[in-house]
């Protein structure tokens, strides 16, 4: 392939590239992270121009960054989070560990209702400041794209407030944010005995009003025995379909209601949690191309014992993403690397599956399969240079951050943990 470079192009050289490109095979015919040696990653503006063998790249006056045989991967994608909320639930967690039941805590105004109350009573500025700290941790660890849901306001005013905070975070940070409307997260206190009327409010007022204001790009629902039933979920999906809004769902976490099949019927982007997913649901996902998003943080924090059906998901070729599910009640973990480790240890994913889960499959879960999640020509130039040799290193040793460079839309946004001696190896030539 011949290529004409511009002086403004940037060549990332002398790296081990874990491209995550499924078309790249090793000598044994297997993918192995789409790994390439002796190749250059060429960036033009915000996109990857090409990935080419080093010897084929013409010399010219553009910038060359030699990374000294370090590892480059796509930027991490956290495809399911509840990052914006008021207060925290640490005291409730302590109560549970001391033997107080969740029912007792809820009866005293705890549980999700306590987060709803705290979110409603928080100003947009207070919500933004708290969320920014969580986002900082994820950015510093290599996340370049993140999904953030509403769902703690549960009325028009406060759902809009949450989504405006998400918009502000997107405008102020070097990260792409996919906002999701999760007004059907729980029944708010004022509709406690009339969930159908609340769903009508969501469908007839909250959803169309905030869609018109362009504050979100997909619709989510908690379809569960303690959330919304199938008919209520269908009512929501019909309202979304009328406006051509993509859907997704929290489903099969605590029981099997058939939520995954319903999401698949609407060609949904993803189904998330899935501990109680059955073969019939998996077959529906396989037909629709819907992504299965696994959330091991919540599994761990709630001390669950029923794992998602990983073997069946593999058998039917359902793409598996993984995510932090960052939220105050069941997964307060602002570390996607930790979650990758949990996915392997608790759910039995291979390290390569974990990597696919935060790159190519996570991109697909956000409707970004053709632009994010791999190091390929035409894709967004979001990638990480790690002080590591193999991809498994990134999820093996938790507690220190091996990130060297974080590149977002072609620009270096983070440069950490490089000693003076290393700087002599990693330079601009």
Protein backbone atom coordinates (compact mmCIF):
# COMPACT_ATOMS: atom_id res chain seq x y z
CA UNK A 1 0.00 0.00 0.00
CA UNK A 2 1.44 3.35 -1.01
CA UNK A 3 0.73 6.31 1.20
CA UNK A 4 1.46 10.00 0.94
CA UNK A 5 2.21 11.58 4.28
CA UNK A 6 1.71 15.18 5.33
CA UNK A 7 4.10 17.06 7.59
CA UNK A 8 1.30 17.33 10.17
CA UNK A 9 0.88 13.53 10.41
CA UNK A 10 2.23 11.70 13.47
CA UNK A 11 3.92 8.29 13.28
CA UNK A 12 3.92 6.10 16.41
CA UNK A 13 6.85 3.73 15.91
CA UNK A 14 8.65 0.83 17.55
CA UNK A 15 5.55 -0.45 19.34
CA UNK A 16 3.78 -3.73 19.85
CA UNK A 17 0.29 -3.04 18.50
CA UNK A 18 -2.66 -4.92 19.99
CA UNK A 19 -4.99 -3.74 17.24
CA UNK A 20 -8.05 -5.82 18.30
CA UNK A 21 -8.70 -6.11 14.56
CA UNK A 22 -10.35 -9.50 14.06
CA UNK A 23 -9.08 -9.81 10.49
CA UNK A 24 -5.42 -9.98 11.60
CA UNK A 25 -4.28 -13.58 12.13
CA UNK A 26 -1.07 -14.94 13.59
CA UNK A 27 1.04 -17.71 12.07
CA UNK A 28 -1.24 -20.27 13.78
CA UNK A 29 -4.30 -18.73 12.15
CA UNK A 30 -5.62 -17.29 15.40
CA UNK A 31 -6.25 -13.65 16.23
CA UNK A 32 -4.27 -13.11 19.48
CA UNK A 33 -5.43 -9.51 20.10
CA UNK A 34 -4.77 -8.64 16.44
CA UNK A 35 -1.13 -8.24 17.48
CA UNK A 36 1.33 -6.64 15.09
CA UNK A 37 5.10 -6.21 15.45
CA UNK A 38 7.31 -3.88 13.42
CA UNK A 39 4.37 -1.77 12.30
CA UNK A 40 3.77 1.97 12.47
CA UNK A 41 0.56 3.58 13.64
CA UNK A 42 0.02 6.69 11.52
CA UNK A 43 -2.35 9.39 12.79
CA UNK A 44 -3.81 12.24 10.79
CA UNK A 45 -5.86 14.75 12.76
CA UNK A 46 -8.42 12.80 14.85
CA UNK A 47 -8.23 9.48 12.99
CA UNK A 48 -5.89 6.62 12.30
CA UNK A 49 -4.66 7.04 8.73
CA UNK A 50 -2.97 3.65 8.41
CA UNK A 51 -1.26 0.77 10.18
CA UNK A 52 1.70 -0.27 8.03
CA UNK A 53 4.94 -2.25 8.25
CA UNK A 54 7.66 0.13 9.39
CA UNK A 55 9.87 -0.49 6.37
CA UNK A 56 7.05 0.57 4.03
CA UNK A 57 6.47 3.99 5.64
CA UNK A 58 8.23 6.73 3.68
CA UNK A 59 10.53 9.12 5.49
CA UNK A 60 9.51 12.75 5.51
CA UNK A 61 9.26 15.68 7.89
CA UNK A 62 6.30 14.50 9.98
CA UNK A 63 6.63 13.82 13.71
CA UNK A 64 7.84 10.36 14.75
CA UNK A 65 7.29 9.13 18.31
CA UNK A 66 9.37 6.09 19.19
CA UNK A 67 7.75 4.23 22.12
CA UNK A 68 10.62 1.83 22.79
CA UNK A 69 8.83 -1.50 22.17
CA UNK A 70 6.00 -0.63 24.53
CA UNK A 71 2.46 -1.85 24.05
CA UNK A 72 -0.21 0.19 22.26
CA UNK A 73 -3.87 -0.74 22.56
CA UNK A 74 -7.12 0.99 21.67
CA UNK A 75 -8.43 3.34 24.34
CA UNK A 76 -10.63 1.63 26.91
CA UNK A 77 -14.42 1.93 26.50
CA UNK A 78 -16.60 1.84 29.63
CA UNK A 79 -20.03 1.11 28.12
CA UNK A 80 -22.29 1.08 31.22
CA UNK A 81 -22.01 3.62 34.06
CA UNK A 82 -24.18 5.64 36.43
CA UNK A 83 -21.51 8.26 37.04
CA UNK A 84 -23.70 11.25 37.97
CA UNK A 85 -25.53 11.09 41.30
CA UNK A 86 -25.78 12.80 44.69
CA UNK A 87 -24.48 11.44 47.98
CA UNK A 88 -23.17 7.91 48.44
CA UNK A 89 -24.36 4.68 50.00
CA UNK A 90 -21.28 3.73 52.04
CA UNK A 91 -23.21 3.84 55.32
CA UNK A 92 -25.84 1.48 53.90
CA UNK A 93 -23.13 -0.93 52.83
CA UNK A 94 -21.73 -0.84 56.36
CA UNK A 95 -25.20 -1.53 57.75
CA UNK A 96 -25.60 -4.54 55.46
CA UNK A 97 -22.20 -5.86 56.55
CA UNK A 98 -23.37 -5.48 60.13
CA UNK A 99 -26.43 -7.63 59.47
CA UNK A 100 -29.16 -5.12 58.61
CA UNK A 101 -31.33 -6.37 55.75
CA UNK A 102 -31.83 -4.45 52.51
CA UNK A 103 -35.57 -4.43 53.24
CA UNK A 104 -34.99 -2.70 56.57
CA UNK A 105 -32.71 -0.15 54.93
CA UNK A 106 -35.24 0.54 52.17
CA UNK A 107 -38.08 0.90 54.67
CA UNK A 108 -36.13 3.73 56.28
CA UNK A 109 -35.70 5.56 52.96
CA UNK A 110 -32.49 3.87 51.91
CA UNK A 111 -31.60 2.01 48.74
CA UNK A 112 -32.02 3.69 45.40
CA UNK A 113 -34.54 6.13 46.86
CA UNK A 114 -31.83 7.64 49.05
CA UNK A 115 -29.75 8.32 45.93
CA UNK A 116 -32.80 9.80 44.20
CA UNK A 117 -33.38 12.11 47.16
CA UNK A 118 -29.72 13.15 47.30
CA UNK A 119 -29.61 13.74 43.53
CA UNK A 120 -32.76 15.84 43.57
CA UNK A 121 -31.39 17.94 46.42
CA UNK A 122 -27.99 18.45 44.75
CA UNK A 123 -27.27 21.34 42.43
CA UNK A 124 -25.96 20.69 38.94
CA UNK A 125 -22.62 22.09 40.07
CA UNK A 126 -22.44 19.72 43.05
CA UNK A 127 -23.28 16.75 40.83
CA UNK A 128 -20.66 17.77 38.30
CA UNK A 129 -17.91 18.19 40.87
CA UNK A 130 -18.58 14.75 42.36
CA UNK A 131 -18.80 13.06 38.95
CA UNK A 132 -15.62 14.78 37.77
CA UNK A 133 -13.58 13.03 40.45
CA UNK A 134 -14.88 9.64 39.33
CA UNK A 135 -14.27 10.52 35.69
CA UNK A 136 -10.71 11.66 36.46
CA UNK A 137 -9.88 8.20 37.80
CA UNK A 138 -11.23 6.48 34.70
CA UNK A 139 -9.48 8.87 32.32
CA UNK A 140 -6.17 8.42 34.14
CA UNK A 141 -6.48 4.66 33.70
CA UNK A 142 -6.98 4.82 29.94
CA UNK A 143 -10.72 5.22 29.31
CA UNK A 144 -11.36 7.30 26.17
CA UNK A 145 -15.09 6.61 25.65
CA UNK A 146 -17.71 6.20 28.35
CA UNK A 147 -21.46 5.79 28.63
CA UNK A 148 -23.23 7.73 31.40
CA UNK A 149 -26.88 7.19 32.35
CA UNK A 150 -29.48 9.34 34.02
CA UNK A 151 -31.90 7.53 36.33
CA UNK A 152 -31.51 9.15 39.74
CA UNK A 153 -33.75 12.13 39.05
CA UNK A 154 -36.92 10.26 38.04
CA UNK A 155 -38.81 13.38 37.05
CA UNK A 156 -38.43 15.74 34.12
CA UNK A 157 -36.57 18.47 35.98
CA UNK A 158 -34.02 16.25 37.66
CA UNK A 159 -33.47 13.85 34.76
CA UNK A 160 -32.72 16.92 32.65
CA UNK A 161 -30.38 18.20 35.36
CA UNK A 162 -28.47 14.92 35.34
CA UNK A 163 -28.14 14.85 31.56
CA UNK A 164 -27.02 18.48 31.46
CA UNK A 165 -24.25 17.53 33.88
CA UNK A 166 -23.26 14.70 31.51
CA UNK A 167 -23.15 17.22 28.67
CA UNK A 168 -20.98 19.58 30.73
CA UNK A 169 -18.56 16.75 31.53
CA UNK A 170 -18.32 15.89 27.83
CA UNK A 171 -17.53 19.48 26.93
CA UNK A 172 -14.83 19.88 29.60
CA UNK A 173 -12.93 16.59 29.36
CA UNK A 174 -10.85 14.77 26.72
CA UNK A 175 -13.27 11.88 26.59
CA UNK A 176 -16.25 10.95 24.44
CA UNK A 177 -19.43 10.48 26.45
CA UNK A 178 -22.48 8.54 25.28
CA UNK A 179 -25.48 9.79 27.32
CA UNK A 180 -28.35 7.39 28.05
CA UNK A 181 -31.84 8.11 29.37
CA UNK A 182 -32.61 5.73 32.25
CA UNK A 183 -35.73 7.38 33.65
CA UNK A 184 -37.19 3.85 33.89
CA UNK A 185 -34.62 2.94 36.54
CA UNK A 186 -37.01 2.72 39.48
CA UNK A 187 -40.45 3.91 40.49
CA UNK A 188 -40.05 7.27 42.29
CA UNK A 189 -41.62 7.68 45.75
CA UNK A 190 -44.46 9.85 44.47
CA UNK A 191 -45.58 7.02 42.13
CA UNK A 192 -44.88 4.22 44.57
CA UNK A 193 -48.31 2.61 44.16
CA UNK A 194 -48.84 3.51 40.51
CA UNK A 195 -45.87 2.45 38.36
CA UNK A 196 -47.98 2.43 35.18
CA UNK A 197 -48.66 6.15 35.55
CA UNK A 198 -44.94 6.77 35.99
CA UNK A 199 -44.15 4.85 32.78
CA UNK A 200 -46.74 7.00 31.01
CA UNK A 201 -44.95 10.10 32.33
CA UNK A 202 -41.63 8.81 31.02
CA UNK A 203 -43.04 7.90 27.59
CA UNK A 204 -45.27 10.92 27.08
CA UNK A 205 -43.21 13.68 28.68
CA UNK A 206 -39.68 12.95 29.88
CA UNK A 207 -38.49 10.95 26.86
CA UNK A 208 -39.79 13.16 24.02
CA UNK A 209 -38.91 16.42 25.80
CA UNK A 210 -35.30 15.48 26.54
CA UNK A 211 -34.87 13.83 23.12
CA UNK A 212 -35.94 17.06 21.46
CA UNK A 213 -33.26 18.84 23.52
CA UNK A 214 -30.67 16.31 22.22
CA UNK A 215 -29.59 15.33 25.72
CA UNK A 216 -29.28 11.56 25.16
CA UNK A 217 -28.70 9.02 22.40
CA UNK A 218 -30.29 5.81 23.72
CA UNK A 219 -32.97 4.63 26.16
CA UNK A 220 -32.42 2.13 28.98
CA UNK A 221 -34.75 0.38 31.44
CA UNK A 222 -34.44 -1.79 34.55
CA UNK A 223 -36.66 -4.71 33.54
CA UNK A 224 -36.83 -6.80 36.70
CA UNK A 225 -39.12 -7.97 39.50
CA UNK A 226 -38.05 -4.95 41.55
CA UNK A 227 -38.10 -2.66 38.50
CA UNK A 228 -40.46 -2.64 35.52
CA UNK A 229 -42.31 -5.58 33.99
CA UNK A 230 -42.32 -6.68 30.36
CA UNK A 231 -45.46 -4.78 29.37
CA UNK A 232 -44.15 -1.55 30.90
CA UNK A 233 -40.80 -2.10 29.18
CA UNK A 234 -42.54 -2.70 25.85
CA UNK A 235 -44.50 0.53 26.31
CA UNK A 236 -41.19 2.37 26.77
CA UNK A 237 -39.55 0.68 23.77
CA UNK A 238 -42.53 1.52 21.57
CA UNK A 239 -42.21 5.18 22.55
CA UNK A 240 -38.48 5.06 21.75
CA UNK A 241 -39.05 3.28 18.44
CA UNK A 242 -41.57 5.94 17.41
CA UNK A 243 -38.71 8.47 17.61
CA UNK A 244 -36.08 6.06 16.18
CA UNK A 245 -34.16 6.00 19.47
CA UNK A 246 -31.94 2.93 20.11
CA UNK A 247 -32.77 0.88 23.22
CA UNK A 248 -30.90 -1.24 25.74
CA UNK A 249 -31.83 -2.93 29.00
CA UNK A 250 -30.80 -3.94 32.51
CA UNK A 251 -32.18 -7.49 32.32
CA UNK A 252 -31.97 -10.94 33.87
CA UNK A 253 -29.93 -9.73 36.86
CA UNK A 254 -32.13 -11.12 39.64
CA UNK A 255 -34.59 -13.32 37.74
CA UNK A 256 -35.52 -14.32 34.19
CA UNK A 257 -38.41 -12.23 32.91
CA UNK A 258 -37.50 -12.54 29.23
CA UNK A 259 -36.20 -9.00 29.04
CA UNK A 260 -33.31 -9.97 26.78
CA UNK A 261 -35.69 -11.42 24.21
CA UNK A 262 -37.70 -8.20 24.27
CA UNK A 263 -34.59 -6.05 23.80
CA UNK A 264 -33.52 -8.30 20.92
CA UNK A 265 -36.98 -7.95 19.35
CA UNK A 266 -36.33 -4.19 19.14
CA UNK A 267 -32.79 -4.75 17.76
CA UNK A 268 -31.40 -3.26 20.97
CA UNK A 269 -27.80 -2.18 21.37
CA UNK A 270 -27.14 -4.22 24.51
CA UNK A 271 -28.52 -6.28 27.36
CA UNK A 272 -26.71 -5.83 30.66
CA UNK A 273 -26.10 -7.97 33.81
CA UNK A 274 -27.55 -11.34 32.53
CA UNK A 275 -26.90 -13.66 35.47
CA UNK A 276 -30.26 -15.41 34.86
CA UNK A 277 -30.17 -15.35 31.06
CA UNK A 278 -31.31 -18.65 29.47
CA UNK A 279 -30.60 -20.33 26.13
CA UNK A 280 -33.77 -18.97 24.52
CA UNK A 281 -32.66 -15.43 25.37
CA UNK A 282 -29.16 -16.11 24.07
CA UNK A 283 -30.57 -17.39 20.77
CA UNK A 284 -32.55 -14.17 20.43
CA UNK A 285 -29.41 -12.10 21.08
CA UNK A 286 -27.47 -14.11 18.53
CA UNK A 287 -30.10 -13.41 15.88
CA UNK A 288 -30.36 -9.68 16.63
CA UNK A 289 -26.64 -8.96 17.06
CA UNK A 290 -27.30 -7.40 20.47
CA UNK A 291 -24.25 -7.18 22.75
CA UNK A 292 -24.21 -8.95 26.12
CA UNK A 293 -22.69 -6.57 28.70
CA UNK A 294 -21.29 -8.35 31.76
CA UNK A 295 -20.97 -6.41 35.03
CA UNK A 296 -18.74 -8.34 37.44
CA UNK A 297 -18.40 -5.40 39.83
CA UNK A 298 -22.05 -5.67 40.89
CA UNK A 299 -21.77 -9.47 41.03
CA UNK A 300 -18.82 -9.11 43.40
CA UNK A 301 -20.22 -6.29 45.54
CA UNK A 302 -23.58 -8.03 46.06
CA UNK A 303 -21.83 -11.36 46.75
CA UNK A 304 -23.89 -13.09 44.06
CA UNK A 305 -23.28 -16.74 43.26
CA UNK A 306 -25.08 -17.30 39.93
CA UNK A 307 -22.74 -16.41 37.07
CA UNK A 308 -23.86 -15.35 33.60
CA UNK A 309 -23.95 -18.26 31.08
CA UNK A 310 -20.56 -17.52 29.53
CA UNK A 311 -20.15 -20.88 27.76
CA UNK A 312 -23.53 -20.55 26.02
CA UNK A 313 -22.81 -16.95 25.01
CA UNK A 314 -19.57 -18.19 23.43
CA UNK A 315 -21.33 -21.10 21.75
CA UNK A 316 -23.84 -18.80 20.05
CA UNK A 317 -21.24 -16.18 19.15
CA UNK A 318 -22.84 -13.39 21.17
CA UNK A 319 -20.36 -10.50 21.58
CA UNK A 320 -19.53 -9.94 25.25
CA UNK A 321 -18.66 -6.50 26.59
CA UNK A 322 -17.70 -5.71 30.18
CA UNK A 323 -18.05 -2.48 32.13
CA UNK A 324 -17.61 -0.94 35.56
CA UNK A 325 -21.36 -0.32 36.09
CA UNK A 326 -20.08 2.48 38.34
CA UNK A 327 -22.93 3.30 40.72
CA UNK A 328 -23.32 4.09 44.43
CA UNK A 329 -25.34 1.04 45.45
CA UNK A 330 -23.83 -2.03 43.83
CA UNK A 331 -20.58 -1.24 41.99
CA UNK A 332 -18.61 1.75 43.34
CA UNK A 333 -15.47 0.94 41.33
CA UNK A 334 -13.85 3.60 39.15
CA UNK A 335 -11.38 1.15 37.61
CA UNK A 336 -12.09 -0.62 34.34
CA UNK A 337 -8.81 -2.53 34.68
CA UNK A 338 -10.05 -3.99 37.98
CA UNK A 339 -13.30 -4.99 36.28
CA UNK A 340 -11.35 -6.72 33.48
CA UNK A 341 -9.54 -8.72 36.16
CA UNK A 342 -12.85 -9.56 37.87
CA UNK A 343 -14.34 -10.71 34.55
CA UNK A 344 -11.54 -13.25 34.21
CA UNK A 345 -11.43 -14.40 37.84
CA UNK A 346 -15.17 -14.43 38.59
CA UNK A 347 -16.77 -15.12 35.20
CA UNK A 348 -14.04 -17.17 33.51
CA UNK A 349 -13.37 -14.89 30.56
CA UNK A 350 -9.98 -15.20 28.91
CA UNK A 351 -7.78 -12.08 29.04
CA UNK A 352 -8.34 -11.65 25.32
CA UNK A 353 -12.11 -11.79 25.81
CA UNK A 354 -11.76 -9.19 28.56
CA UNK A 355 -9.85 -6.93 26.17
CA UNK A 356 -12.46 -7.41 23.46
CA UNK A 357 -15.03 -6.54 26.12
CA UNK A 358 -13.61 -3.06 26.67
CA UNK A 359 -12.73 -2.36 23.01
CA UNK A 360 -14.50 -3.82 19.97
CA UNK A 361 -17.55 -5.23 21.77
CA UNK A 362 -17.97 -2.21 24.05
CA UNK A 363 -17.85 0.01 20.96
CA UNK A 364 -20.61 -2.08 19.39
CA UNK A 365 -22.69 -1.79 22.57
CA UNK A 366 -22.58 1.99 22.11
CA UNK A 367 -23.36 1.93 18.40
CA UNK A 368 -19.76 2.81 17.54
CA UNK A 369 -18.51 -0.44 16.01
CA UNK A 370 -17.31 1.26 12.82
CA UNK A 371 -15.39 4.09 14.47
CA UNK A 372 -14.10 3.02 17.90
CA UNK A 373 -12.47 0.09 19.66
CA UNK A 374 -9.65 -0.97 17.34
CA UNK A 375 -6.44 0.27 15.77
CA UNK A 376 -7.43 0.32 12.11
CA UNK A 377 -7.44 2.83 9.27
CA UNK A 378 -10.39 5.19 9.49
CA UNK A 379 -11.01 4.58 13.19
CA UNK A 380 -10.84 7.26 15.86
CA UNK A 381 -7.27 7.89 17.05
CA UNK A 382 -8.02 7.00 20.67
CA UNK A 383 -5.29 4.75 22.03
CA UNK A 384 -3.01 4.07 24.97
CA UNK A 385 0.75 3.50 25.22
CA UNK A 386 1.43 1.19 28.17
CA UNK A 387 4.68 0.41 29.96
CA UNK A 388 4.00 -3.26 29.30
CA UNK A 389 4.87 -5.99 26.83
CA UNK A 390 1.64 -8.01 26.58
CA UNK A 391 -2.05 -7.08 26.88
CA UNK A 392 -2.53 -9.49 29.80
CA UNK A 393 -0.13 -7.37 31.86
CA UNK A 394 -2.70 -4.56 32.01
CA UNK A 395 -5.29 -6.62 33.89
CA UNK A 396 -2.93 -8.92 35.75
CA UNK A 397 -1.28 -6.53 38.21
CA UNK A 398 -3.74 -4.09 39.77
CA UNK A 399 -2.61 -1.26 42.04
CA UNK A 400 -0.19 0.68 39.89
CA UNK A 401 -0.89 2.41 36.61
CA UNK A 402 1.30 1.38 33.65
CA UNK A 403 -0.18 4.08 31.39
CA UNK A 404 2.52 6.13 29.63
CA UNK A 405 0.57 8.09 27.03
CA UNK A 406 -3.16 8.53 26.61
CA UNK A 407 -4.08 9.73 23.13
CA UNK A 408 -7.57 11.07 22.49
CA UNK A 409 -8.60 12.09 18.99
CA UNK A 410 -4.96 12.12 17.96
CA UNK A 411 -3.74 14.37 20.79
CA UNK A 412 -1.68 13.35 23.81
CA UNK A 413 -3.86 14.15 26.83
CA UNK A 414 -2.07 12.23 29.55
CA UNK A 415 1.63 11.50 30.11
CA UNK A 416 2.48 9.71 33.35
CA UNK A 417 4.81 7.34 35.09
CA UNK A 418 7.79 7.81 32.79
CA UNK A 419 11.17 8.16 34.45
CA UNK A 420 13.96 10.35 33.12
CA UNK A 421 15.70 7.27 31.75
CA UNK A 422 12.50 6.24 29.99
CA UNK A 423 12.16 9.70 28.49
CA UNK A 424 15.44 9.13 26.69
CA UNK A 425 13.84 6.11 25.02
CA UNK A 426 10.48 7.73 24.26
CA UNK A 427 11.09 10.82 22.27
CA UNK A 428 10.11 12.89 19.31
CA UNK A 429 12.45 12.54 16.36
